[in-house]
Amino acid sequence: AELTVGVLLTIAACQVGDAVTGFWYLFLDVINEHIPDSSSVNWGTIFVNVSALLLVVMCEYSQHFHSRVLGRMPPAASWFLAVFAVKFRGSFCGALSAYGGFSEDTIGMLAQKNPDAFAANLGMNGVTAVTALALLS
């Protein structure tokens, strides 16, 4: 069960990474009225890594609250929540950060007005996720 939770959160992080990168690119576009295509900085990677780090920091600061909630729950629910919290910090936040560069590439295709490549890249991520779920079932 722990492996399944970790794998599902890792797969979710890949998709969320694309959304986080897209959000930050949209934010930059609204603020600066252009997306920094010519920049040598991988802004999408930086934004996803910062987002993952912020999630880990929030998890660390919420441990006291988490411990109090676990103490009031039934044993099975308490076990699952504890596993989920550990896997969220490790699997989800780790994968979110690790796939930041990939997310940068995916959203970069959209920023370069190449929606076909964007859709193909995002679609292949979905197919890979479904395949991984099928293999683990």
N, C-alpha and C. Protein backbone atom coordinates (compact mmCIF):
# COMPACT_ATOMS: atom_id res chain seq x y z
N ALA A 1 0.82 -1.19 0.00
CA ALA A 1 0.00 0.00 0.00
C ALA A 1 0.86 1.26 0.00
N GLU A 2 1.97 1.22 0.73
CA GLU A 2 2.84 2.40 0.77
C GLU A 2 3.44 2.69 -0.61
N LEU A 3 3.84 1.63 -1.31
CA LEU A 3 4.41 1.79 -2.64
C LEU A 3 3.39 2.41 -3.60
N THR A 4 2.17 1.93 -3.52
CA THR A 4 1.11 2.45 -4.39
C THR A 4 0.86 3.93 -4.14
N VAL A 5 0.80 4.32 -2.88
CA VAL A 5 0.60 5.73 -2.54
C VAL A 5 1.75 6.57 -3.09
N GLY A 6 2.96 6.09 -2.92
CA GLY A 6 4.12 6.82 -3.44
C GLY A 6 4.11 6.95 -4.95
N VAL A 7 3.77 5.87 -5.65
CA VAL A 7 3.73 5.90 -7.11
C VAL A 7 2.63 6.83 -7.60
N LEU A 8 1.46 6.75 -6.99
CA LEU A 8 0.36 7.64 -7.40
C LEU A 8 0.70 9.11 -7.18
N LEU A 9 1.36 9.40 -6.07
CA LEU A 9 1.75 10.79 -5.81
C LEU A 9 2.85 11.25 -6.77
N THR A 10 3.73 10.35 -7.15
CA THR A 10 4.77 10.69 -8.12
C THR A 10 4.16 10.99 -9.48
N ILE A 11 3.21 10.17 -9.90
CA ILE A 11 2.53 10.39 -11.17
C ILE A 11 1.76 11.71 -11.13
N ALA A 12 1.10 11.97 -10.02
CA ALA A 12 0.37 13.23 -9.89
C ALA A 12 1.32 14.43 -9.96
N ALA A 13 2.50 14.28 -9.38
CA ALA A 13 3.47 15.39 -9.38
C ALA A 13 3.90 15.75 -10.79
N CYS A 14 4.00 14.77 -11.66
CA CYS A 14 4.38 15.05 -13.06
C CYS A 14 3.35 15.95 -13.72
N GLN A 15 2.09 15.65 -13.50
CA GLN A 15 1.03 16.46 -14.09
C GLN A 15 0.92 17.82 -13.41
N VAL A 16 1.06 17.85 -12.11
CA VAL A 16 0.98 19.11 -11.37
C VAL A 16 2.15 20.02 -11.75
N GLY A 17 3.31 19.43 -12.01
CA GLY A 17 4.47 20.22 -12.44
C GLY A 17 4.18 21.02 -13.68
N ASP A 18 3.50 20.40 -14.64
CA ASP A 18 3.12 21.12 -15.86
C ASP A 18 2.18 22.28 -15.52
N ALA A 19 1.22 22.03 -14.64
CA ALA A 19 0.26 23.08 -14.27
C ALA A 19 0.95 24.21 -13.51
N VAL A 20 1.85 23.89 -12.61
CA VAL A 20 2.57 24.92 -11.84
C VAL A 20 3.41 25.77 -12.78
N THR A 21 4.12 25.12 -13.70
CA THR A 21 4.93 25.86 -14.66
C THR A 21 4.05 26.76 -15.51
N GLY A 22 2.93 26.22 -15.97
CA GLY A 22 2.00 27.01 -16.77
C GLY A 22 1.47 28.21 -16.01
N PHE A 23 1.15 28.01 -14.75
CA PHE A 23 0.66 29.11 -13.91
C PHE A 23 1.71 30.22 -13.82
N TRP A 24 2.96 29.83 -13.55
CA TRP A 24 3.99 30.84 -13.39
C TRP A 24 4.30 31.55 -14.69
N TYR A 25 4.25 30.82 -15.80
CA TYR A 25 4.44 31.49 -17.09
C TYR A 25 3.31 32.48 -17.36
N LEU A 26 2.10 32.09 -17.02
CA LEU A 26 0.96 33.00 -17.19
C LEU A 26 1.13 34.22 -16.29
N PHE A 27 1.57 34.00 -15.06
CA PHE A 27 1.82 35.09 -14.13
C PHE A 27 2.88 36.05 -14.69
N LEU A 28 3.97 35.50 -15.22
CA LEU A 28 5.01 36.34 -15.82
C LEU A 28 4.47 37.11 -17.02
N ASP A 29 3.64 36.45 -17.80
CA ASP A 29 3.07 37.09 -18.99
C ASP A 29 2.19 38.27 -18.58
N VAL A 30 1.42 38.11 -17.53
CA VAL A 30 0.55 39.19 -17.06
C VAL A 30 1.37 40.34 -16.47
N ILE A 31 2.37 40.00 -15.68
CA ILE A 31 3.20 41.02 -15.02
C ILE A 31 4.10 41.75 -16.02
N ASN A 32 4.79 40.97 -16.85
CA ASN A 32 5.79 41.57 -17.75
C ASN A 32 5.28 41.79 -19.17
N GLU A 33 4.07 41.36 -19.45
CA GLU A 33 3.48 41.43 -20.77
C GLU A 33 4.27 40.65 -21.82
N HIS A 34 5.10 39.74 -21.40
CA HIS A 34 5.77 38.82 -22.32
C HIS A 34 6.32 37.64 -21.53
N ILE A 35 6.44 36.54 -22.21
CA ILE A 35 7.05 35.36 -21.61
C ILE A 35 8.53 35.38 -21.96
N PRO A 36 9.40 35.17 -21.01
CA PRO A 36 10.84 35.32 -21.28
C PRO A 36 11.42 34.17 -22.12
N ASP A 37 10.99 34.09 -23.39
CA ASP A 37 11.48 33.03 -24.27
C ASP A 37 12.98 33.15 -24.54
N SER A 38 13.46 34.37 -24.64
CA SER A 38 14.86 34.58 -25.00
C SER A 38 15.79 34.46 -23.81
N SER A 39 15.25 34.31 -22.63
CA SER A 39 16.06 34.22 -21.42
C SER A 39 16.82 32.91 -21.39
N SER A 40 18.07 32.97 -20.91
CA SER A 40 18.85 31.75 -20.75
C SER A 40 18.51 31.03 -19.45
N VAL A 41 17.69 31.67 -18.62
CA VAL A 41 17.28 31.08 -17.35
C VAL A 41 16.07 30.17 -17.59
N ASN A 42 16.08 29.00 -17.02
CA ASN A 42 14.94 28.07 -17.10
C ASN A 42 13.95 28.43 -16.01
N TRP A 43 13.11 29.42 -16.30
CA TRP A 43 12.18 29.94 -15.30
C TRP A 43 11.21 28.88 -14.82
N GLY A 44 10.71 28.05 -15.72
CA GLY A 44 9.78 27.01 -15.32
C GLY A 44 10.38 26.06 -14.30
N THR A 45 11.63 25.66 -14.52
CA THR A 45 12.32 24.77 -13.59
C THR A 45 12.46 25.45 -12.22
N ILE A 46 12.84 26.70 -12.24
CA ILE A 46 13.01 27.43 -10.98
C ILE A 46 11.68 27.53 -10.24
N PHE A 47 10.60 27.87 -10.96
CA PHE A 47 9.30 28.02 -10.31
C PHE A 47 8.81 26.71 -9.73
N VAL A 48 8.99 25.61 -10.44
CA VAL A 48 8.55 24.31 -9.93
C VAL A 48 9.37 23.91 -8.71
N ASN A 49 10.68 24.15 -8.77
CA ASN A 49 11.53 23.81 -7.63
C ASN A 49 11.18 24.65 -6.40
N VAL A 50 10.91 25.92 -6.61
CA VAL A 50 10.51 26.78 -5.49
C VAL A 50 9.17 26.32 -4.93
N SER A 51 8.24 25.96 -5.80
CA SER A 51 6.94 25.47 -5.34
C SER A 51 7.10 24.20 -4.52
N ALA A 52 7.92 23.27 -4.99
CA ALA A 52 8.16 22.02 -4.25
C ALA A 52 8.79 22.32 -2.89
N LEU A 53 9.74 23.22 -2.87
CA LEU A 53 10.40 23.58 -1.61
C LEU A 53 9.42 24.23 -0.65
N LEU A 54 8.54 25.10 -1.16
CA LEU A 54 7.53 25.72 -0.30
C LEU A 54 6.58 24.68 0.28
N LEU A 55 6.21 23.69 -0.51
CA LEU A 55 5.33 22.61 0.00
C LEU A 55 6.03 21.83 1.11
N VAL A 56 7.31 21.54 0.93
CA VAL A 56 8.06 20.80 1.97
C VAL A 56 8.14 21.63 3.25
N VAL A 57 8.39 22.92 3.09
CA VAL A 57 8.47 23.81 4.27
C VAL A 57 7.12 23.85 4.98
N MET A 58 6.03 23.96 4.20
CA MET A 58 4.70 23.95 4.82
C MET A 58 4.44 22.64 5.55
N CYS A 59 4.88 21.53 4.98
CA CYS A 59 4.72 20.22 5.64
C CYS A 59 5.49 20.19 6.96
N GLU A 60 6.71 20.72 6.95
CA GLU A 60 7.51 20.75 8.16
C GLU A 60 6.85 21.58 9.26
N TYR A 61 6.34 22.73 8.88
CA TYR A 61 5.72 23.60 9.87
C TYR A 61 4.35 23.09 10.35
N SER A 62 3.75 22.19 9.61
CA SER A 62 2.44 21.66 10.01
C SER A 62 2.55 20.33 10.76
N GLN A 63 3.74 19.88 11.07
CA GLN A 63 3.91 18.58 11.76
C GLN A 63 3.22 18.54 13.11
N HIS A 64 3.25 19.62 13.86
CA HIS A 64 2.61 19.62 15.17
C HIS A 64 1.10 19.42 15.02
N PHE A 65 0.50 20.14 14.08
CA PHE A 65 -0.93 19.99 13.81
C PHE A 65 -1.22 18.57 13.32
N HIS A 66 -0.37 18.06 12.46
CA HIS A 66 -0.52 16.70 11.91
C HIS A 66 -0.50 15.66 13.01
N SER A 67 0.40 15.81 13.95
CA SER A 67 0.51 14.86 15.07
C SER A 67 -0.75 14.88 15.92
N ARG A 68 -1.31 16.06 16.16
CA ARG A 68 -2.54 16.16 16.96
C ARG A 68 -3.70 15.49 16.24
N VAL A 69 -3.80 15.66 14.93
CA VAL A 69 -4.88 15.05 14.15
C VAL A 69 -4.75 13.53 14.16
N LEU A 70 -3.53 13.03 14.00
CA LEU A 70 -3.30 11.58 13.99
C LEU A 70 -3.72 10.94 15.31
N GLY A 71 -3.50 11.65 16.41
CA GLY A 71 -3.85 11.11 17.72
C GLY A 71 -5.35 10.95 17.93
N ARG A 72 -6.15 11.65 17.19
CA ARG A 72 -7.60 11.60 17.35
C ARG A 72 -8.30 10.70 16.35
N MET A 73 -7.56 10.12 15.44
CA MET A 73 -8.17 9.31 14.37
C MET A 73 -8.12 7.82 14.72
N PRO A 74 -8.99 7.01 14.09
CA PRO A 74 -8.90 5.57 14.25
C PRO A 74 -7.56 5.06 13.71
N PRO A 75 -7.09 3.92 14.20
CA PRO A 75 -5.75 3.43 13.81
C PRO A 75 -5.53 3.30 12.30
N ALA A 76 -6.49 2.75 11.56
CA ALA A 76 -6.30 2.55 10.11
C ALA A 76 -6.20 3.90 9.40
N ALA A 77 -7.06 4.84 9.76
CA ALA A 77 -7.03 6.17 9.14
C ALA A 77 -5.76 6.91 9.53
N SER A 78 -5.35 6.74 10.78
CA SER A 78 -4.13 7.37 11.26
C SER A 78 -2.92 6.85 10.50
N TRP A 79 -2.87 5.53 10.28
CA TRP A 79 -1.78 4.92 9.53
C TRP A 79 -1.74 5.46 8.10
N PHE A 80 -2.90 5.51 7.44
CA PHE A 80 -2.94 5.97 6.06
C PHE A 80 -2.52 7.44 5.96
N LEU A 81 -3.00 8.27 6.87
CA LEU A 81 -2.64 9.68 6.83
C LEU A 81 -1.14 9.87 7.07
N ALA A 82 -0.59 9.09 7.99
CA ALA A 82 0.85 9.17 8.25
C ALA A 82 1.65 8.76 7.01
N VAL A 83 1.23 7.67 6.36
CA VAL A 83 1.91 7.22 5.13
C VAL A 83 1.76 8.28 4.04
N PHE A 84 0.56 8.82 3.90
CA PHE A 84 0.31 9.83 2.88
C PHE A 84 1.20 11.06 3.11
N ALA A 85 1.33 11.49 4.35
CA ALA A 85 2.14 12.67 4.66
C ALA A 85 3.61 12.43 4.32
N VAL A 86 4.11 11.26 4.68
CA VAL A 86 5.51 10.93 4.38
C VAL A 86 5.72 10.84 2.87
N LYS A 87 4.83 10.18 2.18
CA LYS A 87 4.95 10.02 0.73
C LYS A 87 4.73 11.35 0.01
N PHE A 88 3.88 12.20 0.55
CA PHE A 88 3.68 13.52 -0.06
C PHE A 88 4.98 14.30 -0.03
N ARG A 89 5.62 14.33 1.15
CA ARG A 89 6.88 15.06 1.26
C ARG A 89 7.96 14.46 0.38
N GLY A 90 8.08 13.14 0.39
CA GLY A 90 9.15 12.49 -0.36
C GLY A 90 8.83 12.29 -1.83
N SER A 91 7.74 11.58 -2.11
CA SER A 91 7.43 11.23 -3.49
C SER A 91 6.88 12.41 -4.29
N PHE A 92 5.86 13.07 -3.77
CA PHE A 92 5.23 14.14 -4.53
C PHE A 92 6.17 15.34 -4.66
N CYS A 93 6.64 15.86 -3.55
CA CYS A 93 7.49 17.05 -3.61
C CYS A 93 8.82 16.76 -4.32
N GLY A 94 9.37 15.58 -4.11
CA GLY A 94 10.60 15.20 -4.80
C GLY A 94 10.40 15.09 -6.30
N ALA A 95 9.32 14.44 -6.71
CA ALA A 95 9.05 14.30 -8.15
C ALA A 95 8.68 15.64 -8.76
N LEU A 96 7.96 16.46 -8.04
CA LEU A 96 7.60 17.79 -8.54
C LEU A 96 8.87 18.57 -8.87
N SER A 97 9.83 18.52 -7.98
CA SER A 97 11.09 19.21 -8.21
C SER A 97 11.89 18.53 -9.32
N ALA A 98 11.94 17.22 -9.31
CA ALA A 98 12.74 16.48 -10.29
C ALA A 98 12.23 16.66 -11.71
N TYR A 99 10.94 16.75 -11.88
CA TYR A 99 10.37 16.89 -13.22
C TYR A 99 10.18 18.36 -13.61
N GLY A 100 10.79 19.26 -12.86
CA GLY A 100 10.68 20.68 -13.18
C GLY A 100 11.22 21.02 -14.56
N GLY A 101 12.34 20.43 -14.92
CA GLY A 101 12.91 20.67 -16.25
C GLY A 101 12.01 20.17 -17.35
N PHE A 102 11.42 19.02 -17.11
CA PHE A 102 10.48 18.48 -18.10
C PHE A 102 9.27 19.38 -18.25
N SER A 103 8.78 19.89 -17.14
CA SER A 103 7.65 20.81 -17.18
C SER A 103 8.02 22.08 -17.94
N GLU A 104 9.24 22.53 -17.73
CA GLU A 104 9.73 23.70 -18.47
C GLU A 104 9.66 23.45 -19.97
N ASP A 105 10.10 22.28 -20.39
CA ASP A 105 10.06 21.93 -21.82
C ASP A 105 8.63 21.90 -22.35
N THR A 106 7.74 21.30 -21.57
CA THR A 106 6.35 21.17 -22.01
C THR A 106 5.69 22.53 -22.17
N ILE A 107 5.79 23.38 -21.18
CA ILE A 107 5.16 24.68 -21.24
C ILE A 107 5.90 25.58 -22.23
N GLY A 108 7.20 25.37 -22.38
CA GLY A 108 7.96 26.13 -23.37
C GLY A 108 7.42 25.93 -24.77
N MET A 109 6.95 24.72 -25.06
CA MET A 109 6.36 24.45 -26.38
C MET A 109 5.11 25.29 -26.59
N LEU A 110 4.32 25.43 -25.54
CA LEU A 110 3.11 26.24 -25.63
C LEU A 110 3.48 27.73 -25.76
N ALA A 111 4.49 28.15 -25.02
CA ALA A 111 4.93 29.54 -25.08
C ALA A 111 5.46 29.89 -26.47
N GLN A 112 6.03 28.91 -27.16
CA GLN A 112 6.55 29.12 -28.51
C GLN A 112 5.46 28.93 -29.56
N LYS A 113 4.24 28.88 -29.09
CA LYS A 113 3.07 28.73 -29.97
C LYS A 113 3.13 27.46 -30.81
N ASN A 114 3.48 26.36 -30.13
CA ASN A 114 3.53 25.05 -30.75
C ASN A 114 2.58 24.13 -29.99
N PRO A 115 1.26 24.34 -30.14
CA PRO A 115 0.29 23.58 -29.34
C PRO A 115 0.28 22.08 -29.66
N ASP A 116 0.66 21.70 -30.88
CA ASP A 116 0.68 20.28 -31.22
C ASP A 116 1.74 19.53 -30.42
N ALA A 117 2.94 20.11 -30.35
CA ALA A 117 4.01 19.49 -29.57
C ALA A 117 3.66 19.49 -28.08
N PHE A 118 3.05 20.58 -27.61
CA PHE A 118 2.62 20.66 -26.22
C PHE A 118 1.62 19.54 -25.91
N ALA A 119 0.60 19.41 -26.75
CA ALA A 119 -0.44 18.39 -26.53
C ALA A 119 0.15 16.99 -26.60
N ALA A 120 1.06 16.76 -27.55
CA ALA A 120 1.68 15.43 -27.68
C ALA A 120 2.51 15.11 -26.44
N ASN A 121 3.27 16.09 -25.96
CA ASN A 121 4.11 15.89 -24.79
C ASN A 121 3.25 15.61 -23.55
N LEU A 122 2.22 16.42 -23.37
CA LEU A 122 1.34 16.24 -22.22
C LEU A 122 0.58 14.92 -22.34
N GLY A 123 0.13 14.59 -23.55
CA GLY A 123 -0.58 13.34 -23.78
C GLY A 123 0.28 12.12 -23.49
N MET A 124 1.53 12.17 -23.89
CA MET A 124 2.43 11.05 -23.63
C MET A 124 2.67 10.88 -22.13
N ASN A 125 2.67 12.00 -21.39
CA ASN A 125 2.76 11.89 -19.93
C ASN A 125 1.57 11.15 -19.37
N GLY A 126 0.38 11.48 -19.89
CA GLY A 126 -0.84 10.81 -19.44
C GLY A 126 -0.82 9.34 -19.76
N VAL A 127 -0.38 8.99 -20.98
CA VAL A 127 -0.30 7.58 -21.38
C VAL A 127 0.70 6.83 -20.51
N THR A 128 1.82 7.47 -20.23
CA THR A 128 2.83 6.85 -19.37
C THR A 128 2.27 6.62 -17.96
N ALA A 129 1.53 7.61 -17.44
CA ALA A 129 0.94 7.46 -16.10
C ALA A 129 -0.07 6.33 -16.07
N VAL A 130 -0.93 6.24 -17.07
CA VAL A 130 -1.94 5.18 -17.11
C VAL A 130 -1.26 3.82 -17.25
N THR A 131 -0.22 3.75 -18.05
CA THR A 131 0.54 2.51 -18.23
C THR A 131 1.17 2.07 -16.91
N ALA A 132 1.76 3.03 -16.20
CA ALA A 132 2.38 2.70 -14.91
C ALA A 132 1.33 2.20 -13.93
N LEU A 133 0.16 2.84 -13.91
CA LEU A 133 -0.90 2.37 -13.01
C LEU A 133 -1.35 0.96 -13.37
N ALA A 134 -1.47 0.68 -14.65
CA ALA A 134 -1.89 -0.65 -15.09
C ALA A 134 -0.87 -1.70 -14.71
N LEU A 135 0.40 -1.38 -14.84
CA LEU A 135 1.45 -2.33 -14.51
C LEU A 135 1.52 -2.59 -13.01
N LEU A 136 1.19 -1.59 -12.21
CA LEU A 136 1.25 -1.75 -10.76
C LEU A 136 0.01 -2.36 -10.16
N SER A 137 -1.06 -2.45 -10.94
CA SER A 137 -2.32 -3.00 -10.42
C SER A 137 -2.28 -4.49 -10.35
